[in-house]
Amino acid sequence: MKPLIHRKSSKQDIAIAIIFFIIFLVLAFIFVYPMIWALNNSLKTYEEFIQDNFGITKSWLFENYLRVFAGDFHYKNFYYEHMLFNSLWMLVVQVFVNVASSTLLAYAVARFRFPGRGFLYAVVIFANTIPIIGAGPQAFKLINQLGMINNPFTIWISWAAGFDFAFIVLYGYFKGISPSYSESAYIDGAGEFRVFFKIILPQVMPCIAAICITQAIGVWNNYSTVMVYMREYPNLAYGLYLFETDKNYIRNSMPIYFAASIISCVPVIVLYACTQKLILTNMTAGGLKG
């Protein structure tokens, strides 16, 4: 075995590394600074915020975070705990329904041969290249005619998209699994459902977990869907938007608004920080197959 040869870094390599380090440092500052600014202002009094919203706080009012849950953060009859509950049930239902539909459709297209299979996959790829705003009016008209607007018992049907980015990633995963597993199970007398749930599905669970996490982050931060389809059930993202735009509630309450924003950001930051390795590893592996 030949020994590994370690090439010395040239001055050009060092210069490129320094340039990239500076670029990423600037980008990190751009993304982190708004959070630091909001955290700083969440600890001020309203008078201190008006006088200097860029200066370091002198009040250190941690009680602003308690006031968020005490009823100071609200919009009409919706309080923070109501918005938090709506965010949680929408997250669980939307992620489950969407990932489940994507998994079933991706498995069928990837593992079975039927007329129109290639055309269906091409349609999915094409549909994912169209800007979402292009299908917005038609989707709203359809959902409105079906009576799903502000209806939590039926709105979940519209979340069963199936043919989205999750489908593409799962399709690659299913294509990468050897058909020998299924053939062995068929020989032993297993049916299609047993093969899927007992043999194939456990092998793609890491990918499904990564997709669930990424979709959960998106759903948690999404206010546009709630603003269009579920106005009477505001989640935290939409509630923050309403609180900011209504002068009757935002007056004398900017520090409370920033405190509510920081609290709303904490779950997704912690979730991504704890699972970023799982997300990057499994999403890349699924996307490269196919």
C-alpha atoms as a PDB file:
ATOM      1  CA  MET A   1       0.000   0.000   0.000  1.00  0.00           C
ATOM      2  CA  LYS A   2       1.388   3.363  -1.030  1.00  0.00           C
ATOM      3  CA  PRO A   3       1.750   5.913   1.732  1.00  0.00           C
ATOM      4  CA  LEU A   4      -0.500   8.944   1.611  1.00  0.00           C
ATOM      5  CA  ILE A   5       1.202  12.000   0.186  1.00  0.00           C
ATOM      6  CA  HIS A   6       0.350  15.218   1.990  1.00  0.00           C
ATOM      7  CA  ARG A   7       0.619  18.173  -0.345  1.00  0.00           C
ATOM      8  CA  LYS A   8       1.729  21.393   1.253  1.00  0.00           C
ATOM      9  CA  SER A   9      -0.743  24.211   0.994  1.00  0.00           C
ATOM     10  CA  SER A  10       0.413  26.867  -1.410  1.00  0.00           C
ATOM     11  CA  LYS A  11       0.033  30.582  -0.841  1.00  0.00           C
ATOM     12  CA  GLN A  12      -2.804  30.576  -3.364  1.00  0.00           C
ATOM     13  CA  ASP A  13      -4.714  27.892  -1.412  1.00  0.00           C
ATOM     14  CA  ILE A  14      -4.251  29.838   1.812  1.00  0.00           C
ATOM     15  CA  ALA A  15      -5.450  33.050   0.164  1.00  0.00           C
ATOM     16  CA  ILE A  16      -8.556  31.327  -1.230  1.00  0.00           C
ATOM     17  CA  ALA A  17      -9.312  29.810   2.187  1.00  0.00           C
ATOM     18  CA  ILE A  18      -9.033  33.229   3.834  1.00  0.00           C
ATOM     19  CA  ILE A  19     -11.328  34.809   1.238  1.00  0.00           C
ATOM     20  CA  PHE A  20     -13.966  32.119   1.723  1.00  0.00           C
ATOM     21  CA  PHE A  21     -13.657  32.447   5.493  1.00  0.00           C
ATOM     22  CA  ILE A  22     -14.273  36.186   5.294  1.00  0.00           C
ATOM     23  CA  ILE A  23     -17.234  35.718   2.932  1.00  0.00           C
ATOM     24  CA  PHE A  24     -18.887  33.130   5.182  1.00  0.00           C
ATOM     25  CA  LEU A  25     -18.146  35.221   8.254  1.00  0.00           C
ATOM     26  CA  VAL A  26     -19.930  38.197   6.681  1.00  0.00           C
ATOM     27  CA  LEU A  27     -22.883  36.001   5.659  1.00  0.00           C
ATOM     28  CA  ALA A  28     -23.092  34.549   9.172  1.00  0.00           C
ATOM     29  CA  PHE A  29     -23.145  38.056  10.634  1.00  0.00           C
ATOM     30  CA  ILE A  30     -25.907  39.108   8.213  1.00  0.00           C
ATOM     31  CA  PHE A  31     -28.093  36.176   9.282  1.00  0.00           C
ATOM     32  CA  VAL A  32     -27.333  36.316  13.007  1.00  0.00           C
ATOM     33  CA  TYR A  33     -27.476  40.089  13.520  1.00  0.00           C
ATOM     34  CA  PRO A  34     -31.307  40.402  13.182  1.00  0.00           C
ATOM     35  CA  MET A  35     -31.722  37.775  15.909  1.00  0.00           C
ATOM     36  CA  ILE A  36     -29.304  39.588  18.209  1.00  0.00           C
ATOM     37  CA  TRP A  37     -31.022  42.905  17.479  1.00  0.00           C
ATOM     38  CA  ALA A  38     -34.465  41.440  18.251  1.00  0.00           C
ATOM     39  CA  LEU A  39     -33.180  39.772  21.436  1.00  0.00           C
ATOM     40  CA  ASN A  40     -31.666  43.040  22.601  1.00  0.00           C
ATOM     41  CA  ASN A  41     -34.876  45.004  21.941  1.00  0.00           C
ATOM     42  CA  SER A  42     -37.026  42.355  23.613  1.00  0.00           C
ATOM     43  CA  LEU A  43     -35.376  43.259  26.928  1.00  0.00           C
ATOM     44  CA  LYS A  44     -36.101  46.997  26.733  1.00  0.00           C
ATOM     45  CA  THR A  45     -38.924  49.194  27.853  1.00  0.00           C
ATOM     46  CA  TYR A  46     -41.016  50.801  25.139  1.00  0.00           C
ATOM     47  CA  GLU A  47     -39.549  54.239  25.937  1.00  0.00           C
ATOM     48  CA  GLU A  48     -36.012  52.903  25.691  1.00  0.00           C
ATOM     49  CA  PHE A  49     -36.818  51.229  22.377  1.00  0.00           C
ATOM     50  CA  ILE A  50     -38.201  54.478  20.940  1.00  0.00           C
ATOM     51  CA  GLN A  51     -35.187  56.479  22.081  1.00  0.00           C
ATOM     52  CA  ASP A  52     -32.534  54.092  20.763  1.00  0.00           C
ATOM     53  CA  ASN A  53     -33.476  50.781  19.188  1.00  0.00           C
ATOM     54  CA  PHE A  54     -29.883  50.021  18.182  1.00  0.00           C
ATOM     55  CA  GLY A  55     -28.281  50.629  21.553  1.00  0.00           C
ATOM     56  CA  ILE A  56     -27.575  47.939  24.128  1.00  0.00           C
ATOM     57  CA  THR A  57     -30.415  47.578  26.586  1.00  0.00           C
ATOM     58  CA  LYS A  58     -30.113  49.026  30.059  1.00  0.00           C
ATOM     59  CA  SER A  59     -33.372  47.656  31.448  1.00  0.00           C
ATOM     60  CA  TRP A  60     -32.895  43.890  30.952  1.00  0.00           C
ATOM     61  CA  LEU A  61     -36.611  43.241  31.360  1.00  0.00           C
ATOM     62  CA  PHE A  62     -36.790  39.448  31.187  1.00  0.00           C
ATOM     63  CA  GLU A  63     -40.355  39.791  32.404  1.00  0.00           C
ATOM     64  CA  ASN A  64     -41.295  40.748  28.832  1.00  0.00           C
ATOM     65  CA  TYR A  65     -41.090  37.047  28.021  1.00  0.00           C
ATOM     66  CA  LEU A  66     -43.508  36.248  30.821  1.00  0.00           C
ATOM     67  CA  ARG A  67     -45.858  38.951  29.605  1.00  0.00           C
ATOM     68  CA  VAL A  68     -46.092  37.158  26.245  1.00  0.00           C
ATOM     69  CA  PHE A  69     -47.848  34.249  27.983  1.00  0.00           C
ATOM     70  CA  ALA A  70     -49.681  36.501  30.439  1.00  0.00           C
ATOM     71  CA  GLY A  71     -51.936  37.934  27.720  1.00  0.00           C
ATOM     72  CA  ASP A  72     -50.040  41.025  26.548  1.00  0.00           C
ATOM     73  CA  PHE A  73     -49.409  39.371  23.191  1.00  0.00           C
ATOM     74  CA  HIS A  74     -52.770  38.827  21.518  1.00  0.00           C
ATOM     75  CA  TYR A  75     -54.820  39.681  18.476  1.00  0.00           C
ATOM     76  CA  LYS A  76     -58.540  40.147  19.080  1.00  0.00           C
ATOM     77  CA  ASN A  77     -59.577  36.911  20.854  1.00  0.00           C
ATOM     78  CA  PHE A  78     -56.425  34.966  19.975  1.00  0.00           C
ATOM     79  CA  TYR A  79     -53.680  34.761  22.579  1.00  0.00           C
ATOM     80  CA  TYR A  80     -50.197  33.306  22.332  1.00  0.00           C
ATOM     81  CA  GLU A  81     -51.236  29.896  23.644  1.00  0.00           C
ATOM     82  CA  HIS A  82     -54.033  29.690  21.033  1.00  0.00           C
ATOM     83  CA  MET A  83     -51.596  30.502  18.242  1.00  0.00           C
ATOM     84  CA  LEU A  84     -49.102  28.018  19.655  1.00  0.00           C
ATOM     85  CA  PHE A  85     -51.740  25.276  19.691  1.00  0.00           C
ATOM     86  CA  ASN A  86     -52.694  26.048  16.074  1.00  0.00           C
ATOM     87  CA  SER A  87     -49.034  25.926  15.057  1.00  0.00           C
ATOM     88  CA  LEU A  88     -48.589  22.535  16.701  1.00  0.00           C
ATOM     89  CA  TRP A  89     -51.644  20.787  15.259  1.00  0.00           C
ATOM     90  CA  MET A  90     -51.049  22.223  11.793  1.00  0.00           C
ATOM     91  CA  LEU A  91     -47.424  21.106  11.932  1.00  0.00           C
ATOM     92  CA  VAL A  92     -48.239  17.535  12.994  1.00  0.00           C
ATOM     93  CA  VAL A  93     -51.143  17.038  10.582  1.00  0.00           C
ATOM     94  CA  GLN A  94     -49.565  18.743   7.573  1.00  0.00           C
ATOM     95  CA  VAL A  95     -46.203  16.994   7.892  1.00  0.00           C
ATOM     96  CA  PHE A  96     -47.783  13.576   8.458  1.00  0.00           C
ATOM     97  CA  VAL A  97     -50.273  13.868   5.599  1.00  0.00           C
ATOM     98  CA  ASN A  98     -47.785  15.274   3.132  1.00  0.00           C
ATOM     99  CA  VAL A  99     -44.945  12.862   3.893  1.00  0.00           C
ATOM    100  CA  ALA A 100     -47.294   9.864   3.963  1.00  0.00           C
ATOM    101  CA  SER A 101     -48.764  10.717   0.555  1.00  0.00           C
ATOM    102  CA  SER A 102     -45.309  11.411  -0.914  1.00  0.00           C
ATOM    103  CA  THR A 103     -43.983   8.101   0.440  1.00  0.00           C
ATOM    104  CA  LEU A 104     -46.813   6.026  -1.005  1.00  0.00           C
ATOM    105  CA  LEU A 105     -46.697   7.708  -4.404  1.00  0.00           C
ATOM    106  CA  ALA A 106     -42.902   7.577  -4.638  1.00  0.00           C
ATOM    107  CA  TYR A 107     -42.903   3.873  -3.778  1.00  0.00           C
ATOM    108  CA  ALA A 108     -45.505   3.063  -6.420  1.00  0.00           C
ATOM    109  CA  VAL A 109     -43.738   5.025  -9.166  1.00  0.00           C
ATOM    110  CA  ALA A 110     -40.261   3.780  -8.273  1.00  0.00           C
ATOM    111  CA  ARG A 111     -40.961   0.090  -7.673  1.00  0.00           C
ATOM    112  CA  PHE A 112     -43.830  -0.831 -10.019  1.00  0.00           C
ATOM    113  CA  ARG A 113     -43.999  -0.806 -13.793  1.00  0.00           C
ATOM    114  CA  PHE A 114     -47.255   0.472 -15.282  1.00  0.00           C
ATOM    115  CA  PRO A 115     -48.258   2.474 -18.373  1.00  0.00           C
ATOM    116  CA  GLY A 116     -47.542   6.176 -18.012  1.00  0.00           C
ATOM    117  CA  ARG A 117     -45.000   5.698 -15.203  1.00  0.00           C
ATOM    118  CA  GLY A 118     -42.288   7.702 -16.952  1.00  0.00           C
ATOM    119  CA  PHE A 119     -44.747  10.388 -18.022  1.00  0.00           C
ATOM    120  CA  LEU A 120     -46.005  10.717 -14.435  1.00  0.00           C
ATOM    121  CA  TYR A 121     -42.468  11.212 -13.140  1.00  0.00           C
ATOM    122  CA  ALA A 122     -41.824  13.816 -15.840  1.00  0.00           C
ATOM    123  CA  VAL A 123     -44.994  15.669 -14.811  1.00  0.00           C
ATOM    124  CA  VAL A 124     -43.784  15.733 -11.208  1.00  0.00           C
ATOM    125  CA  ILE A 125     -40.421  17.198 -12.229  1.00  0.00           C
ATOM    126  CA  PHE A 126     -42.134  19.778 -14.413  1.00  0.00           C
ATOM    127  CA  ALA A 127     -44.659  20.702 -11.706  1.00  0.00           C
ATOM    128  CA  ASN A 128     -41.849  21.373  -9.232  1.00  0.00           C
ATOM    129  CA  THR A 129     -40.299  23.900 -11.610  1.00  0.00           C
ATOM    130  CA  ILE A 130     -43.435  26.054 -11.855  1.00  0.00           C
ATOM    131  CA  PRO A 131     -43.549  28.938  -9.352  1.00  0.00           C
ATOM    132  CA  ILE A 132     -46.150  28.268  -6.682  1.00  0.00           C
ATOM    133  CA  ILE A 133     -47.815  31.624  -7.361  1.00  0.00           C
ATOM    134  CA  GLY A 134     -48.809  30.345 -10.794  1.00  0.00           C
ATOM    135  CA  ALA A 135     -51.153  27.720  -9.339  1.00  0.00           C
ATOM    136  CA  GLY A 136     -52.341  29.836  -6.407  1.00  0.00           C
ATOM    137  CA  PRO A 137     -55.600  31.258  -7.846  1.00  0.00           C
ATOM    138  CA  GLN A 138     -56.782  27.901  -9.179  1.00  0.00           C
ATOM    139  CA  ALA A 139     -55.959  26.151  -5.904  1.00  0.00           C
ATOM    140  CA  PHE A 140     -57.795  28.781  -3.867  1.00  0.00           C
ATOM    141  CA  LYS A 141     -60.873  28.567  -6.104  1.00  0.00           C
ATOM    142  CA  LEU A 142     -60.968  24.775  -5.842  1.00  0.00           C
ATOM    143  CA  ILE A 143     -60.475  24.715  -2.059  1.00  0.00           C
ATOM    144  CA  ASN A 144     -63.083  27.435  -1.613  1.00  0.00           C
ATOM    145  CA  GLN A 145     -65.669  25.567  -3.700  1.00  0.00           C
ATOM    146  CA  LEU A 146     -65.037  22.406  -1.688  1.00  0.00           C
ATOM    147  CA  GLY A 147     -65.718  24.282   1.549  1.00  0.00           C
ATOM    148  CA  MET A 148     -62.245  23.783   3.015  1.00  0.00           C
ATOM    149  CA  ILE A 149     -61.560  27.435   3.860  1.00  0.00           C
ATOM    150  CA  ASN A 150     -61.317  27.846   7.658  1.00  0.00           C
ATOM    151  CA  ASN A 151     -62.309  24.213   8.059  1.00  0.00           C
ATOM    152  CA  PRO A 152     -59.704  22.267  10.085  1.00  0.00           C
ATOM    153  CA  PHE A 153     -61.573  18.991   9.492  1.00  0.00           C
ATOM    154  CA  THR A 154     -61.127  19.054   5.703  1.00  0.00           C
ATOM    155  CA  ILE A 155     -58.210  21.416   5.003  1.00  0.00           C
ATOM    156  CA  TRP A 156     -55.787  18.539   5.586  1.00  0.00           C
ATOM    157  CA  ILE A 157     -56.883  17.031   2.261  1.00  0.00           C
ATOM    158  CA  SER A 158     -55.221  19.923   0.430  1.00  0.00           C
ATOM    159  CA  TRP A 159     -51.972  19.207   2.300  1.00  0.00           C
ATOM    160  CA  ALA A 160     -51.742  15.710   0.814  1.00  0.00           C
ATOM    161  CA  ALA A 161     -49.739  17.070  -2.110  1.00  0.00           C
ATOM    162  CA  GLY A 162     -47.712  13.926  -2.743  1.00  0.00           C
ATOM    163  CA  PHE A 163     -45.923  15.162  -5.845  1.00  0.00           C
ATOM    164  CA  ASP A 164     -43.470  17.603  -4.267  1.00  0.00           C
ATOM    165  CA  PHE A 165     -39.773  17.706  -3.428  1.00  0.00           C
ATOM    166  CA  ALA A 166     -40.260  14.968  -0.838  1.00  0.00           C
ATOM    167  CA  PHE A 167     -41.512  12.718  -3.636  1.00  0.00           C
ATOM    168  CA  ILE A 168     -38.328  13.316  -5.645  1.00  0.00           C
ATOM    169  CA  VAL A 169     -36.035  12.501  -2.723  1.00  0.00           C
ATOM    170  CA  LEU A 170     -38.000   9.405  -1.712  1.00  0.00           C
ATOM    171  CA  TYR A 171     -38.165   8.256  -5.328  1.00  0.00           C
ATOM    172  CA  GLY A 172     -34.367   8.259  -5.422  1.00  0.00           C
ATOM    173  CA  TYR A 173     -34.238   6.321  -2.160  1.00  0.00           C
ATOM    174  CA  PHE A 174     -36.676   3.672  -3.337  1.00  0.00           C
ATOM    175  CA  LYS A 175     -34.812   3.291  -6.629  1.00  0.00           C
ATOM    176  CA  GLY A 176     -31.584   2.716  -4.708  1.00  0.00           C
ATOM    177  CA  ILE A 177     -32.953  -0.228  -2.702  1.00  0.00           C
ATOM    178  CA  SER A 178     -32.125  -3.571  -4.259  1.00  0.00           C
ATOM    179  CA  PRO A 179     -35.180  -5.484  -5.584  1.00  0.00           C
ATOM    180  CA  SER A 180     -33.691  -8.651  -4.055  1.00  0.00           C
ATOM    181  CA  TYR A 181     -35.280  -7.765  -0.711  1.00  0.00           C
ATOM    182  CA  SER A 182     -38.764  -7.732  -2.228  1.00  0.00           C
ATOM    183  CA  GLU A 183     -38.174 -10.845  -4.315  1.00  0.00           C
ATOM    184  CA  SER A 184     -37.012 -12.814  -1.274  1.00  0.00           C
ATOM    185  CA  ALA A 185     -40.091 -11.736   0.642  1.00  0.00           C
ATOM    186  CA  TYR A 186     -42.365 -12.713  -2.262  1.00  0.00           C
ATOM    187  CA  ILE A 187     -40.811 -16.184  -2.304  1.00  0.00           C
ATOM    188  CA  ASP A 188     -41.578 -16.550   1.394  1.00  0.00           C
ATOM    189  CA  GLY A 189     -45.219 -15.667   0.736  1.00  0.00           C
ATOM    190  CA  ALA A 190     -45.266 -12.009   1.782  1.00  0.00           C
ATOM    191  CA  GLY A 191     -47.782  -9.704   0.135  1.00  0.00           C
ATOM    192  CA  GLU A 192     -47.305  -6.176  -1.147  1.00  0.00           C
ATOM    193  CA  PHE A 193     -48.338  -4.504   2.126  1.00  0.00           C
ATOM    194  CA  ARG A 194     -46.023  -6.674   4.219  1.00  0.00           C
ATOM    195  CA  VAL A 195     -43.124  -6.027   1.846  1.00  0.00           C
ATOM    196  CA  PHE A 196     -43.682  -2.291   2.008  1.00  0.00           C
ATOM    197  CA  PHE A 197     -44.233  -1.909   5.761  1.00  0.00           C
ATOM    198  CA  LYS A 198     -41.876  -4.612   7.041  1.00  0.00           C
ATOM    199  CA  ILE A 199     -38.986  -4.547   4.559  1.00  0.00           C
ATOM    200  CA  ILE A 200     -38.852  -1.404   2.418  1.00  0.00           C
ATOM    201  CA  LEU A 201     -40.180   1.253   4.786  1.00  0.00           C
ATOM    202  CA  PRO A 202     -37.671   0.579   7.607  1.00  0.00           C
ATOM    203  CA  GLN A 203     -34.817   1.117   5.147  1.00  0.00           C
ATOM    204  CA  VAL A 204     -36.043   4.597   4.184  1.00  0.00           C
ATOM    205  CA  MET A 205     -36.998   5.747   7.694  1.00  0.00           C
ATOM    206  CA  PRO A 206     -33.827   7.884   8.078  1.00  0.00           C
ATOM    207  CA  CYS A 207     -34.762   9.726   4.874  1.00  0.00           C
ATOM    208  CA  ILE A 208     -38.380  10.119   5.996  1.00  0.00           C
ATOM    209  CA  ALA A 209     -37.202  11.485   9.352  1.00  0.00           C
ATOM    210  CA  ALA A 210     -35.006  14.051   7.589  1.00  0.00           C
ATOM    211  CA  ILE A 211     -37.885  15.122   5.331  1.00  0.00           C
ATOM    212  CA  CYS A 212     -40.237  15.424   8.308  1.00  0.00           C
ATOM    213  CA  ILE A 213     -37.773  17.704  10.081  1.00  0.00           C
ATOM    214  CA  THR A 214     -37.246  19.988   7.091  1.00  0.00           C
ATOM    215  CA  GLN A 215     -40.975  20.193   6.424  1.00  0.00           C
ATOM    216  CA  ALA A 216     -41.683  20.851  10.102  1.00  0.00           C
ATOM    217  CA  ILE A 217     -39.360  23.868  10.010  1.00  0.00           C
ATOM    218  CA  GLY A 218     -41.107  25.176   6.902  1.00  0.00           C
ATOM    219  CA  VAL A 219     -44.607  24.657   8.296  1.00  0.00           C
ATOM    220  CA  TRP A 220     -43.687  26.324  11.598  1.00  0.00           C
ATOM    221  CA  ASN A 221     -42.478  29.458   9.803  1.00  0.00           C
ATOM    222  CA  ASN A 222     -45.254  29.525   7.193  1.00  0.00           C
ATOM    223  CA  TYR A 223     -47.860  32.257   7.551  1.00  0.00           C
ATOM    224  CA  SER A 224     -48.955  32.709   3.918  1.00  0.00           C
ATOM    225  CA  THR A 225     -50.931  29.445   3.778  1.00  0.00           C
ATOM    226  CA  VAL A 226     -52.718  30.259   7.032  1.00  0.00           C
ATOM    227  CA  MET A 227     -53.370  33.825   5.862  1.00  0.00           C
ATOM    228  CA  VAL A 228     -55.107  32.541   2.704  1.00  0.00           C
ATOM    229  CA  TYR A 229     -56.881  29.387   3.878  1.00  0.00           C
ATOM    230  CA  MET A 230     -57.093  29.456   7.699  1.00  0.00           C
ATOM    231  CA  ARG A 231     -57.559  33.073   8.780  1.00  0.00           C
ATOM    232  CA  GLU A 232     -59.771  32.107  11.720  1.00  0.00           C
ATOM    233  CA  TYR A 233     -57.065  29.768  13.053  1.00  0.00           C
ATOM    234  CA  PRO A 234     -53.899  31.915  13.143  1.00  0.00           C
ATOM    235  CA  ASN A 235     -50.658  30.143  13.960  1.00  0.00           C
ATOM    236  CA  LEU A 236     -47.648  31.825  15.553  1.00  0.00           C
ATOM    237  CA  ALA A 237     -46.185  33.032  12.258  1.00  0.00           C
ATOM    238  CA  TYR A 238     -49.472  34.579  11.118  1.00  0.00           C
ATOM    239  CA  GLY A 239     -50.170  35.876  14.630  1.00  0.00           C
ATOM    240  CA  LEU A 240     -46.869  37.761  14.652  1.00  0.00           C
ATOM    241  CA  TYR A 241     -47.769  39.242  11.274  1.00  0.00           C
ATOM    242  CA  LEU A 242     -51.194  40.374  12.522  1.00  0.00           C
ATOM    243  CA  PHE A 243     -49.767  41.772  15.753  1.00  0.00           C
ATOM    244  CA  GLU A 244     -47.203  43.797  13.826  1.00  0.00           C
ATOM    245  CA  THR A 245     -49.607  45.235  11.245  1.00  0.00           C
ATOM    246  CA  ASP A 246     -52.396  46.222  13.650  1.00  0.00           C
ATOM    247  CA  LYS A 247     -51.593  49.581  15.285  1.00  0.00           C
ATOM    248  CA  ASN A 248     -54.143  48.997  18.031  1.00  0.00           C
ATOM    249  CA  TYR A 249     -52.017  46.158  19.386  1.00  0.00           C
ATOM    250  CA  ILE A 250     -48.483  47.124  18.415  1.00  0.00           C
ATOM    251  CA  ARG A 251     -48.659  50.494  20.202  1.00  0.00           C
ATOM    252  CA  ASN A 252     -46.465  50.406  23.336  1.00  0.00           C
ATOM    253  CA  SER A 253     -45.792  46.730  22.712  1.00  0.00           C
ATOM    254  CA  MET A 254     -42.734  46.472  20.474  1.00  0.00           C
ATOM    255  CA  PRO A 255     -40.566  44.763  23.136  1.00  0.00           C
ATOM    256  CA  ILE A 256     -43.380  42.233  23.657  1.00  0.00           C
ATOM    257  CA  TYR A 257     -43.496  41.635  19.922  1.00  0.00           C
ATOM    258  CA  PHE A 258     -39.750  40.961  19.809  1.00  0.00           C
ATOM    259  CA  ALA A 259     -39.993  38.674  22.826  1.00  0.00           C
ATOM    260  CA  ALA A 260     -42.749  36.652  21.131  1.00  0.00           C
ATOM    261  CA  SER A 261     -40.642  36.467  17.965  1.00  0.00           C
ATOM    262  CA  ILE A 262     -37.618  35.138  19.844  1.00  0.00           C
ATOM    263  CA  ILE A 263     -39.706  32.507  21.643  1.00  0.00           C
ATOM    264  CA  SER A 264     -41.206  31.407  18.310  1.00  0.00           C
ATOM    265  CA  CYS A 265     -37.747  31.016  16.750  1.00  0.00           C
ATOM    266  CA  VAL A 266     -36.252  28.904  19.524  1.00  0.00           C
ATOM    267  CA  PRO A 267     -37.973  25.550  18.668  1.00  0.00           C
ATOM    268  CA  VAL A 268     -36.876  25.504  15.016  1.00  0.00           C
ATOM    269  CA  ILE A 269     -33.338  26.641  15.840  1.00  0.00           C
ATOM    270  CA  VAL A 270     -32.943  23.886  18.431  1.00  0.00           C
ATOM    271  CA  LEU A 271     -34.541  21.307  16.129  1.00  0.00           C
ATOM    272  CA  TYR A 272     -32.251  22.115  13.209  1.00  0.00           C
ATOM    273  CA  ALA A 273     -29.130  22.359  15.397  1.00  0.00           C
ATOM    274  CA  CYS A 274     -29.793  18.884  16.810  1.00  0.00           C
ATOM    275  CA  THR A 275     -30.647  17.224  13.493  1.00  0.00           C
ATOM    276  CA  GLN A 276     -28.617  19.031  10.816  1.00  0.00           C
ATOM    277  CA  LYS A 277     -26.277  16.056  10.309  1.00  0.00           C
ATOM    278  CA  LEU A 278     -29.242  13.713   9.832  1.00  0.00           C
ATOM    279  CA  ILE A 279     -30.879  16.121   7.379  1.00  0.00           C
ATOM    280  CA  LEU A 280     -27.807  16.745   5.217  1.00  0.00           C
ATOM    281  CA  THR A 281     -26.715  13.094   5.118  1.00  0.00           C
ATOM    282  CA  ASN A 282     -30.054  11.542   4.194  1.00  0.00           C
ATOM    283  CA  MET A 283     -31.358  14.281   1.896  1.00  0.00           C
ATOM    284  CA  THR A 284     -28.118  14.164  -0.131  1.00  0.00           C
ATOM    285  CA  ALA A 285     -28.145  10.377  -0.341  1.00  0.00           C
ATOM    286  CA  GLY A 286     -31.735  10.326  -1.565  1.00  0.00           C
ATOM    287  CA  GLY A 287     -31.235  13.119  -4.069  1.00  0.00           C
ATOM    288  CA  LEU A 288     -28.206  11.482  -5.699  1.00  0.00           C
ATOM    289  CA  LYS A 289     -29.984   8.237  -6.562  1.00  0.00           C
ATOM    290  CA  GLY A 290     -32.495   7.817  -9.319  1.00  0.00           C
END
